[in-house]
């Protein structure tokens, strides 16, 4: 009996840990779903009370029916795929160029003097203000949309990367150099881990910026297909249910990218390193 007690205790501990993980997942799901349930309830109550005409403020079942219809027809997946391709291509361009420029600004006074005035002037200008120029320079189509998304969404990435690199404590850099670290090891083991929380924040802001400018460009009919094009086209015929379907899909994709990409990246990096809780 005494010999089996450790095994029994270990088994109980494993089951307890698994049960705790299940409860933790359930709590996360509940916390995530709660605000959406409240919003859905408020929407449905407003629709049923007739505060707005049903044509302009449809109940949720009508929006759900539009979602099912558009998905079954293959129209919605086509719009989603086109938008995602433009979004990811433009955002990848913004992330690569933004992080590179931000690192250069943070480590080189010359690069900071060159880029900071340009970025400070370009960042406050609304993204759609650049749209006519890009359409004139690169024409209607995917090229202008992708380049515009990359250009506009690079600004928050640059600013936050630059801030993160500058925030790395100089004593860490000097200590690493004193111990014989070369530039590659200094970058990988000191500067990048220290700046990563800021970089992730910049990428989050850049992705939000990319969504806004891309949907706006699609609404300008600069490209065929896309969620923005679908929303704007539905407005012409007062198809509010189709418009709301497009808006909801954009939100769901944004939430999925946050949960599946950014939060996981944080867990495997800055949280694992003890830099964030």
C-alpha atoms as a PDB file:
ATOM      1  CA  UNK A   1       0.000   0.000   0.000  1.00  0.00           C
ATOM      2  CA  UNK A   2       2.804   2.350   0.820  1.00  0.00           C
ATOM      3  CA  UNK A   3       4.587   1.574  -2.451  1.00  0.00           C
ATOM      4  CA  UNK A   4       1.560   2.477  -4.582  1.00  0.00           C
ATOM      5  CA  UNK A   5       0.821   5.749  -2.818  1.00  0.00           C
ATOM      6  CA  UNK A   6       3.252   7.849  -4.915  1.00  0.00           C
ATOM      7  CA  UNK A   7       1.722   6.477  -8.125  1.00  0.00           C
ATOM      8  CA  UNK A   8      -1.784   7.218  -6.901  1.00  0.00           C
ATOM      9  CA  UNK A   9      -0.757  10.712  -5.840  1.00  0.00           C
ATOM     10  CA  UNK A  10       0.852  11.378  -9.216  1.00  0.00           C
ATOM     11  CA  UNK A  11      -2.256  10.143 -11.040  1.00  0.00           C
ATOM     12  CA  UNK A  12      -4.493  12.353  -8.933  1.00  0.00           C
ATOM     13  CA  UNK A  13      -2.211  15.327  -9.535  1.00  0.00           C
ATOM     14  CA  UNK A  14      -2.246  14.751 -13.300  1.00  0.00           C
ATOM     15  CA  UNK A  15      -6.046  14.513 -13.368  1.00  0.00           C
ATOM     16  CA  UNK A  16      -6.329  17.640 -11.241  1.00  0.00           C
ATOM     17  CA  UNK A  17      -3.982  19.540 -13.556  1.00  0.00           C
ATOM     18  CA  UNK A  18      -5.944  18.421 -16.629  1.00  0.00           C
ATOM     19  CA  UNK A  19      -9.211  19.455 -14.966  1.00  0.00           C
ATOM     20  CA  UNK A  20      -7.706  22.847 -14.107  1.00  0.00           C
ATOM     21  CA  UNK A  21      -6.609  23.334 -17.726  1.00  0.00           C
ATOM     22  CA  UNK A  22     -10.101  22.479 -18.959  1.00  0.00           C
ATOM     23  CA  UNK A  23     -11.620  24.965 -16.520  1.00  0.00           C
ATOM     24  CA  UNK A  24      -9.086  27.573 -17.617  1.00  0.00           C
ATOM     25  CA  UNK A  25     -10.000  27.064 -21.293  1.00  0.00           C
ATOM     26  CA  UNK A  26     -13.689  27.275 -20.447  1.00  0.00           C
ATOM     27  CA  UNK A  27     -13.093  30.508 -18.543  1.00  0.00           C
ATOM     28  CA  UNK A  28     -11.185  31.992 -21.486  1.00  0.00           C
ATOM     29  CA  UNK A  29     -13.975  31.036 -23.893  1.00  0.00           C
ATOM     30  CA  UNK A  30     -16.585  32.492 -21.542  1.00  0.00           C
ATOM     31  CA  UNK A  31     -14.691  35.764 -21.150  1.00  0.00           C
ATOM     32  CA  UNK A  32     -14.237  36.039 -24.908  1.00  0.00           C
ATOM     33  CA  UNK A  33     -17.863  35.234 -25.718  1.00  0.00           C
ATOM     34  CA  UNK A  34     -19.498  37.380 -23.028  1.00  0.00           C
ATOM     35  CA  UNK A  35     -19.150  40.829 -24.677  1.00  0.00           C
ATOM     36  CA  UNK A  36     -20.401  39.418 -27.985  1.00  0.00           C
ATOM     37  CA  UNK A  37     -23.446  37.917 -26.289  1.00  0.00           C
ATOM     38  CA  UNK A  38     -24.209  41.255 -24.648  1.00  0.00           C
ATOM     39  CA  UNK A  39     -23.833  43.048 -27.987  1.00  0.00           C
ATOM     40  CA  UNK A  40     -26.047  40.485 -29.745  1.00  0.00           C
ATOM     41  CA  UNK A  41     -28.724  40.827 -27.070  1.00  0.00           C
ATOM     42  CA  UNK A  42     -28.674  44.623 -27.281  1.00  0.00           C
ATOM     43  CA  UNK A  43     -28.860  44.459 -31.078  1.00  0.00           C
ATOM     44  CA  UNK A  44     -31.787  42.038 -31.074  1.00  0.00           C
ATOM     45  CA  UNK A  45     -33.726  44.070 -28.501  1.00  0.00           C
ATOM     46  CA  UNK A  46     -33.213  47.239 -30.546  1.00  0.00           C
ATOM     47  CA  UNK A  47     -34.315  45.479 -33.736  1.00  0.00           C
ATOM     48  CA  UNK A  48     -37.424  43.987 -32.128  1.00  0.00           C
ATOM     49  CA  UNK A  49     -38.446  47.317 -30.586  1.00  0.00           C
ATOM     50  CA  UNK A  50     -38.457  48.895 -34.042  1.00  0.00           C
ATOM     51  CA  UNK A  51     -36.225  51.816 -33.102  1.00  0.00           C
ATOM     52  CA  UNK A  52     -34.995  51.827 -36.714  1.00  0.00           C
ATOM     53  CA  UNK A  53     -36.714  50.557 -39.861  1.00  0.00           C
ATOM     54  CA  UNK A  54     -36.124  46.793 -40.346  1.00  0.00           C
ATOM     55  CA  UNK A  55     -34.563  47.499 -43.731  1.00  0.00           C
ATOM     56  CA  UNK A  56     -31.842  49.569 -42.033  1.00  0.00           C
ATOM     57  CA  UNK A  57     -31.531  47.624 -38.769  1.00  0.00           C
ATOM     58  CA  UNK A  58     -32.287  43.949 -39.507  1.00  0.00           C
ATOM     59  CA  UNK A  59     -32.598  41.340 -36.751  1.00  0.00           C
ATOM     60  CA  UNK A  60     -29.771  38.898 -36.258  1.00  0.00           C
ATOM     61  CA  UNK A  61     -31.567  35.998 -37.919  1.00  0.00           C
ATOM     62  CA  UNK A  62     -31.739  38.006 -41.141  1.00  0.00           C
ATOM     63  CA  UNK A  63     -28.002  38.723 -40.960  1.00  0.00           C
ATOM     64  CA  UNK A  64     -27.324  35.039 -40.259  1.00  0.00           C
ATOM     65  CA  UNK A  65     -29.471  34.077 -43.250  1.00  0.00           C
ATOM     66  CA  UNK A  66     -27.466  36.434 -45.462  1.00  0.00           C
ATOM     67  CA  UNK A  67     -24.241  34.890 -44.147  1.00  0.00           C
ATOM     68  CA  UNK A  68     -25.445  31.376 -44.967  1.00  0.00           C
ATOM     69  CA  UNK A  69     -26.731  32.413 -48.391  1.00  0.00           C
ATOM     70  CA  UNK A  70     -23.561  34.232 -49.417  1.00  0.00           C
ATOM     71  CA  UNK A  71     -21.379  31.398 -48.150  1.00  0.00           C
ATOM     72  CA  UNK A  72     -23.423  28.762 -49.934  1.00  0.00           C
ATOM     73  CA  UNK A  73     -23.293  30.722 -53.197  1.00  0.00           C
ATOM     74  CA  UNK A  74     -19.507  30.955 -52.929  1.00  0.00           C
ATOM     75  CA  UNK A  75     -19.655  34.749 -53.080  1.00  0.00           C
ATOM     76  CA  UNK A  76     -18.498  35.430 -49.530  1.00  0.00           C
ATOM     77  CA  UNK A  77     -15.499  33.033 -49.644  1.00  0.00           C
ATOM     78  CA  UNK A  78     -14.385  34.714 -52.881  1.00  0.00           C
ATOM     79  CA  UNK A  79     -14.560  38.161 -51.272  1.00  0.00           C
ATOM     80  CA  UNK A  80     -12.783  36.945 -48.123  1.00  0.00           C
ATOM     81  CA  UNK A  81      -9.978  35.253 -50.060  1.00  0.00           C
ATOM     82  CA  UNK A  82      -9.296  38.305 -52.219  1.00  0.00           C
ATOM     83  CA  UNK A  83      -9.237  40.609 -49.201  1.00  0.00           C
ATOM     84  CA  UNK A  84      -6.980  38.287 -47.190  1.00  0.00           C
ATOM     85  CA  UNK A  85      -4.465  37.985 -50.025  1.00  0.00           C
ATOM     86  CA  UNK A  86      -4.215  41.774 -50.337  1.00  0.00           C
ATOM     87  CA  UNK A  87      -4.125  42.208 -46.558  1.00  0.00           C
ATOM     88  CA  UNK A  88      -1.388  39.655 -45.906  1.00  0.00           C
ATOM     89  CA  UNK A  89       0.729  40.804 -48.845  1.00  0.00           C
ATOM     90  CA  UNK A  90       0.521  44.455 -47.822  1.00  0.00           C
ATOM     91  CA  UNK A  91       1.010  43.720 -44.128  1.00  0.00           C
ATOM     92  CA  UNK A  92       4.037  41.505 -44.812  1.00  0.00           C
ATOM     93  CA  UNK A  93       5.554  44.372 -46.774  1.00  0.00           C
ATOM     94  CA  UNK A  94       4.812  46.757 -43.900  1.00  0.00           C
ATOM     95  CA  UNK A  95       6.202  44.398 -41.258  1.00  0.00           C
ATOM     96  CA  UNK A  96       9.473  43.711 -43.075  1.00  0.00           C
ATOM     97  CA  UNK A  97      10.169  47.304 -44.063  1.00  0.00           C
ATOM     98  CA  UNK A  98       8.849  48.772 -40.803  1.00  0.00           C
ATOM     99  CA  UNK A  99      10.932  46.548 -38.544  1.00  0.00           C
ATOM    100  CA  UNK A 100      14.054  47.086 -40.669  1.00  0.00           C
ATOM    101  CA  UNK A 101      13.682  50.880 -40.686  1.00  0.00           C
ATOM    102  CA  UNK A 102      12.779  50.946 -36.987  1.00  0.00           C
ATOM    103  CA  UNK A 103      15.856  48.912 -36.064  1.00  0.00           C
ATOM    104  CA  UNK A 104      18.059  51.143 -38.192  1.00  0.00           C
ATOM    105  CA  UNK A 105      16.633  54.257 -36.531  1.00  0.00           C
ATOM    106  CA  UNK A 106      17.128  52.785 -33.075  1.00  0.00           C
ATOM    107  CA  UNK A 107      20.738  51.754 -33.634  1.00  0.00           C
ATOM    108  CA  UNK A 108      21.999  54.521 -35.916  1.00  0.00           C
ATOM    109  CA  UNK A 109      21.808  58.228 -35.210  1.00  0.00           C
ATOM    110  CA  UNK A 110      22.285  58.936 -38.914  1.00  0.00           C
ATOM    111  CA  UNK A 111      19.301  56.718 -39.848  1.00  0.00           C
ATOM    112  CA  UNK A 112      17.235  58.364 -37.125  1.00  0.00           C
ATOM    113  CA  UNK A 113      18.041  61.831 -38.464  1.00  0.00           C
ATOM    114  CA  UNK A 114      17.085  60.748 -41.991  1.00  0.00           C
ATOM    115  CA  UNK A 115      13.902  58.753 -41.366  1.00  0.00           C
ATOM    116  CA  UNK A 116      12.348  60.332 -38.276  1.00  0.00           C
ATOM    117  CA  UNK A 117      11.291  63.606 -39.970  1.00  0.00           C
ATOM    118  CA  UNK A 118       9.848  61.685 -42.926  1.00  0.00           C
ATOM    119  CA  UNK A 119       7.930  59.262 -40.724  1.00  0.00           C
ATOM    120  CA  UNK A 120       6.721  62.062 -38.454  1.00  0.00           C
ATOM    121  CA  UNK A 121       5.304  63.914 -41.460  1.00  0.00           C
ATOM    122  CA  UNK A 122       3.778  60.891 -43.177  1.00  0.00           C
ATOM    123  CA  UNK A 123       2.205  59.125 -40.198  1.00  0.00           C
ATOM    124  CA  UNK A 124      -0.454  61.724 -39.231  1.00  0.00           C
ATOM    125  CA  UNK A 125      -1.847  61.939 -42.777  1.00  0.00           C
ATOM    126  CA  UNK A 126      -5.007  59.789 -43.117  1.00  0.00           C
ATOM    127  CA  UNK A 127      -4.359  56.671 -45.149  1.00  0.00           C
ATOM    128  CA  UNK A 128      -7.142  57.367 -47.631  1.00  0.00           C
ATOM    129  CA  UNK A 129      -5.487  60.692 -48.482  1.00  0.00           C
ATOM    130  CA  UNK A 130      -2.713  58.682 -50.141  1.00  0.00           C
ATOM    131  CA  UNK A 131      -5.178  56.553 -52.131  1.00  0.00           C
ATOM    132  CA  UNK A 132      -5.648  58.913 -55.118  1.00  0.00           C
ATOM    133  CA  UNK A 133      -1.882  59.218 -55.529  1.00  0.00           C
ATOM    134  CA  UNK A 134      -1.309  55.470 -55.455  1.00  0.00           C
ATOM    135  CA  UNK A 135      -4.170  54.925 -57.902  1.00  0.00           C
ATOM    136  CA  UNK A 136      -2.624  57.464 -60.276  1.00  0.00           C
ATOM    137  CA  UNK A 137       0.892  56.071 -59.926  1.00  0.00           C
ATOM    138  CA  UNK A 138       0.118  52.334 -60.018  1.00  0.00           C
ATOM    139  CA  UNK A 139      -3.339  52.215 -61.599  1.00  0.00           C
ATOM    140  CA  UNK A 140      -6.467  50.389 -60.560  1.00  0.00           C
ATOM    141  CA  UNK A 141      -5.944  46.882 -59.282  1.00  0.00           C
ATOM    142  CA  UNK A 142      -4.191  44.782 -56.692  1.00  0.00           C
ATOM    143  CA  UNK A 143      -0.769  46.393 -57.049  1.00  0.00           C
ATOM    144  CA  UNK A 144      -1.903  49.815 -55.874  1.00  0.00           C
ATOM    145  CA  UNK A 145      -3.982  48.279 -53.063  1.00  0.00           C
ATOM    146  CA  UNK A 146      -1.128  46.132 -51.724  1.00  0.00           C
ATOM    147  CA  UNK A 147       1.448  48.928 -51.932  1.00  0.00           C
ATOM    148  CA  UNK A 148      -0.901  51.390 -50.250  1.00  0.00           C
ATOM    149  CA  UNK A 149      -1.636  48.947 -47.426  1.00  0.00           C
ATOM    150  CA  UNK A 150       2.078  48.308 -46.961  1.00  0.00           C
ATOM    151  CA  UNK A 151       2.940  52.003 -46.993  1.00  0.00           C
ATOM    152  CA  UNK A 152       0.268  53.182 -44.572  1.00  0.00           C
ATOM    153  CA  UNK A 153       0.498  50.304 -42.089  1.00  0.00           C
ATOM    154  CA  UNK A 154       4.300  50.545 -41.892  1.00  0.00           C
ATOM    155  CA  UNK A 155       4.194  53.767 -39.856  1.00  0.00           C
ATOM    156  CA  UNK A 156       3.083  52.275 -36.493  1.00  0.00           C
ATOM    157  CA  UNK A 157       5.516  49.385 -36.994  1.00  0.00           C
ATOM    158  CA  UNK A 158       8.391  51.817 -37.557  1.00  0.00           C
ATOM    159  CA  UNK A 159       7.526  53.987 -34.569  1.00  0.00           C
ATOM    160  CA  UNK A 160       7.091  51.113 -32.125  1.00  0.00           C
ATOM    161  CA  UNK A 161      10.172  49.221 -33.312  1.00  0.00           C
ATOM    162  CA  UNK A 162      12.258  52.381 -33.014  1.00  0.00           C
ATOM    163  CA  UNK A 163      10.878  53.016 -29.513  1.00  0.00           C
ATOM    164  CA  UNK A 164      11.551  49.428 -28.469  1.00  0.00           C
ATOM    165  CA  UNK A 165      15.150  49.454 -29.673  1.00  0.00           C
ATOM    166  CA  UNK A 166      15.780  52.778 -27.944  1.00  0.00           C
ATOM    167  CA  UNK A 167      14.211  51.393 -24.749  1.00  0.00           C
ATOM    168  CA  UNK A 168      16.755  48.563 -24.471  1.00  0.00           C
ATOM    169  CA  UNK A 169      18.943  49.422 -21.500  1.00  0.00           C
ATOM    170  CA  UNK A 170      22.392  50.564 -22.523  1.00  0.00           C
ATOM    171  CA  UNK A 171      23.942  48.654 -19.630  1.00  0.00           C
ATOM    172  CA  UNK A 172      22.725  45.404 -21.230  1.00  0.00           C
ATOM    173  CA  UNK A 173      24.378  46.326 -24.511  1.00  0.00           C
ATOM    174  CA  UNK A 174      27.650  47.341 -22.853  1.00  0.00           C
ATOM    175  CA  UNK A 175      27.726  44.182 -20.745  1.00  0.00           C
ATOM    176  CA  UNK A 176      27.195  41.987 -23.803  1.00  0.00           C
ATOM    177  CA  UNK A 177      29.920  43.806 -25.730  1.00  0.00           C
ATOM    178  CA  UNK A 178      32.271  43.513 -22.769  1.00  0.00           C
ATOM    179  CA  UNK A 179      31.713  39.746 -22.758  1.00  0.00           C
ATOM    180  CA  UNK A 180      32.702  39.558 -26.422  1.00  0.00           C
ATOM    181  CA  UNK A 181      29.306  39.489 -28.149  1.00  0.00           C
ATOM    182  CA  UNK A 182      29.430  40.371 -31.836  1.00  0.00           C
ATOM    183  CA  UNK A 183      26.714  42.345 -33.622  1.00  0.00           C
ATOM    184  CA  UNK A 184      24.753  39.229 -34.563  1.00  0.00           C
ATOM    185  CA  UNK A 185      24.619  37.897 -31.009  1.00  0.00           C
ATOM    186  CA  UNK A 186      23.915  41.364 -29.671  1.00  0.00           C
ATOM    187  CA  UNK A 187      20.919  41.595 -31.991  1.00  0.00           C
ATOM    188  CA  UNK A 188      19.580  38.097 -31.293  1.00  0.00           C
ATOM    189  CA  UNK A 189      20.130  37.925 -27.531  1.00  0.00           C
ATOM    190  CA  UNK A 190      19.824  41.515 -26.305  1.00  0.00           C
ATOM    191  CA  UNK A 191      18.189  43.987 -28.673  1.00  0.00           C
ATOM    192  CA  UNK A 192      15.505  41.791 -30.267  1.00  0.00           C
ATOM    193  CA  UNK A 193      14.206  40.293 -26.987  1.00  0.00           C
ATOM    194  CA  UNK A 194      14.228  43.714 -25.337  1.00  0.00           C
ATOM    195  CA  UNK A 195      12.379  45.395 -28.193  1.00  0.00           C
ATOM    196  CA  UNK A 196       9.972  42.559 -29.007  1.00  0.00           C
ATOM    197  CA  UNK A 197       7.046  43.730 -26.801  1.00  0.00           C
ATOM    198  CA  UNK A 198       7.117  47.077 -28.612  1.00  0.00           C
ATOM    199  CA  UNK A 199       7.430  45.377 -32.002  1.00  0.00           C
ATOM    200  CA  UNK A 200       4.384  43.203 -31.322  1.00  0.00           C
ATOM    201  CA  UNK A 201       2.408  46.290 -30.338  1.00  0.00           C
ATOM    202  CA  UNK A 202       3.481  47.978 -33.553  1.00  0.00           C
ATOM    203  CA  UNK A 203       2.437  44.948 -35.591  1.00  0.00           C
ATOM    204  CA  UNK A 204      -0.976  44.924 -33.924  1.00  0.00           C
ATOM    205  CA  UNK A 205      -1.484  48.610 -34.683  1.00  0.00           C
ATOM    206  CA  UNK A 206      -0.164  48.117 -38.197  1.00  0.00           C
ATOM    207  CA  UNK A 207      -2.600  45.282 -38.865  1.00  0.00           C
ATOM    208  CA  UNK A 208      -5.523  47.417 -37.690  1.00  0.00           C
ATOM    209  CA  UNK A 209      -4.293  50.207 -39.950  1.00  0.00           C
ATOM    210  CA  UNK A 210      -3.985  47.742 -42.828  1.00  0.00           C
ATOM    211  CA  UNK A 211      -7.606  46.635 -42.396  1.00  0.00           C
ATOM    212  CA  UNK A 212      -8.887  50.207 -42.410  1.00  0.00           C
ATOM    213  CA  UNK A 213      -7.035  51.335 -45.495  1.00  0.00           C
ATOM    214  CA  UNK A 214      -7.689  48.124 -47.444  1.00  0.00           C
ATOM    215  CA  UNK A 215     -11.444  48.184 -46.875  1.00  0.00           C
ATOM    216  CA  UNK A 216     -11.459  51.868 -47.809  1.00  0.00           C
ATOM    217  CA  UNK A 217      -9.575  51.218 -51.042  1.00  0.00           C
ATOM    218  CA  UNK A 218     -11.890  48.337 -51.923  1.00  0.00           C
ATOM    219  CA  UNK A 219     -14.854  50.655 -51.346  1.00  0.00           C
ATOM    220  CA  UNK A 220     -13.367  53.071 -53.858  1.00  0.00           C
ATOM    221  CA  UNK A 221     -13.758  50.281 -56.426  1.00  0.00           C
ATOM    222  CA  UNK A 222     -10.006  50.287 -56.997  1.00  0.00           C
ATOM    223  CA  UNK A 223     -10.061  46.479 -57.075  1.00  0.00           C
ATOM    224  CA  UNK A 224     -12.577  43.852 -58.129  1.00  0.00           C
ATOM    225  CA  UNK A 225     -14.026  41.738 -55.323  1.00  0.00           C
ATOM    226  CA  UNK A 226     -13.126  42.040 -51.640  1.00  0.00           C
ATOM    227  CA  UNK A 227     -15.116  42.611 -48.445  1.00  0.00           C
ATOM    228  CA  UNK A 228     -14.980  46.392 -48.764  1.00  0.00           C
ATOM    229  CA  UNK A 229     -16.255  46.148 -52.331  1.00  0.00           C
ATOM    230  CA  UNK A 230     -19.076  43.857 -51.140  1.00  0.00           C
ATOM    231  CA  UNK A 231     -20.084  46.209 -48.307  1.00  0.00           C
ATOM    232  CA  UNK A 232     -20.082  49.276 -50.521  1.00  0.00           C
ATOM    233  CA  UNK A 233     -22.001  47.495 -53.272  1.00  0.00           C
ATOM    234  CA  UNK A 234     -24.652  46.341 -50.795  1.00  0.00           C
ATOM    235  CA  UNK A 235     -25.126  49.943 -49.670  1.00  0.00           C
ATOM    236  CA  UNK A 236     -26.342  50.886 -53.143  1.00  0.00           C
ATOM    237  CA  UNK A 237     -29.328  48.532 -52.757  1.00  0.00           C
ATOM    238  CA  UNK A 238     -29.884  49.050 -48.996  1.00  0.00           C
ATOM    239  CA  UNK A 239     -28.910  45.438 -48.330  1.00  0.00           C
ATOM    240  CA  UNK A 240     -28.008  46.138 -44.726  1.00  0.00           C
ATOM    241  CA  UNK A 241     -27.869  42.441 -43.873  1.00  0.00           C
ATOM    242  CA  UNK A 242     -25.136  41.928 -46.479  1.00  0.00           C
ATOM    243  CA  UNK A 243     -23.265  44.985 -45.206  1.00  0.00           C
ATOM    244  CA  UNK A 244     -23.404  43.696 -41.636  1.00  0.00           C
ATOM    245  CA  UNK A 245     -22.245  40.278 -42.807  1.00  0.00           C
ATOM    246  CA  UNK A 246     -19.143  41.852 -44.323  1.00  0.00           C
ATOM    247  CA  UNK A 247     -18.466  43.904 -41.195  1.00  0.00           C
ATOM    248  CA  UNK A 248     -18.897  40.838 -38.963  1.00  0.00           C
ATOM    249  CA  UNK A 249     -16.547  38.746 -41.097  1.00  0.00           C
ATOM    250  CA  UNK A 250     -13.874  41.450 -40.893  1.00  0.00           C
ATOM    251  CA  UNK A 251     -14.218  41.467 -37.110  1.00  0.00           C
ATOM    252  CA  UNK A 252     -14.052  37.683 -36.850  1.00  0.00           C
ATOM    253  CA  UNK A 253     -10.930  37.520 -39.014  1.00  0.00           C
ATOM    254  CA  UNK A 254      -9.313  40.243 -36.907  1.00  0.00           C
ATOM    255  CA  UNK A 255     -10.143  38.374 -33.694  1.00  0.00           C
ATOM    256  CA  UNK A 256      -8.791  35.131 -35.145  1.00  0.00           C
ATOM    257  CA  UNK A 257      -5.510  36.781 -36.137  1.00  0.00           C
ATOM    258  CA  UNK A 258      -5.187  38.269 -32.645  1.00  0.00           C
ATOM    259  CA  UNK A 259      -5.870  34.994 -30.839  1.00  0.00           C
ATOM    260  CA  UNK A 260      -4.099  32.587 -33.177  1.00  0.00           C
ATOM    261  CA  UNK A 261      -1.095  34.691 -34.197  1.00  0.00           C
ATOM    262  CA  UNK A 262      -0.250  37.548 -31.860  1.00  0.00           C
ATOM    263  CA  UNK A 263      -1.228  35.968 -28.543  1.00  0.00           C
ATOM    264  CA  UNK A 264       0.519  32.706 -29.409  1.00  0.00           C
ATOM    265  CA  UNK A 265       3.606  34.608 -30.501  1.00  0.00           C
ATOM    266  CA  UNK A 266       3.576  36.479 -27.196  1.00  0.00           C
ATOM    267  CA  UNK A 267       3.223  33.234 -25.239  1.00  0.00           C
ATOM    268  CA  UNK A 268       6.199  31.641 -26.989  1.00  0.00           C
ATOM    269  CA  UNK A 269       8.421  34.720 -26.680  1.00  0.00           C
ATOM    270  CA  UNK A 270       7.984  37.605 -24.250  1.00  0.00           C
ATOM    271  CA  UNK A 271       5.734  35.739 -21.778  1.00  0.00           C
ATOM    272  CA  UNK A 272       8.024  32.722 -21.826  1.00  0.00           C
ATOM    273  CA  UNK A 273      10.998  34.998 -21.240  1.00  0.00           C
ATOM    274  CA  UNK A 274       9.279  36.595 -18.235  1.00  0.00           C
ATOM    275  CA  UNK A 275       8.997  40.032 -19.860  1.00  0.00           C
ATOM    276  CA  UNK A 276       5.172  40.031 -19.799  1.00  0.00           C
ATOM    277  CA  UNK A 277       2.590  38.250 -17.668  1.00  0.00           C
END
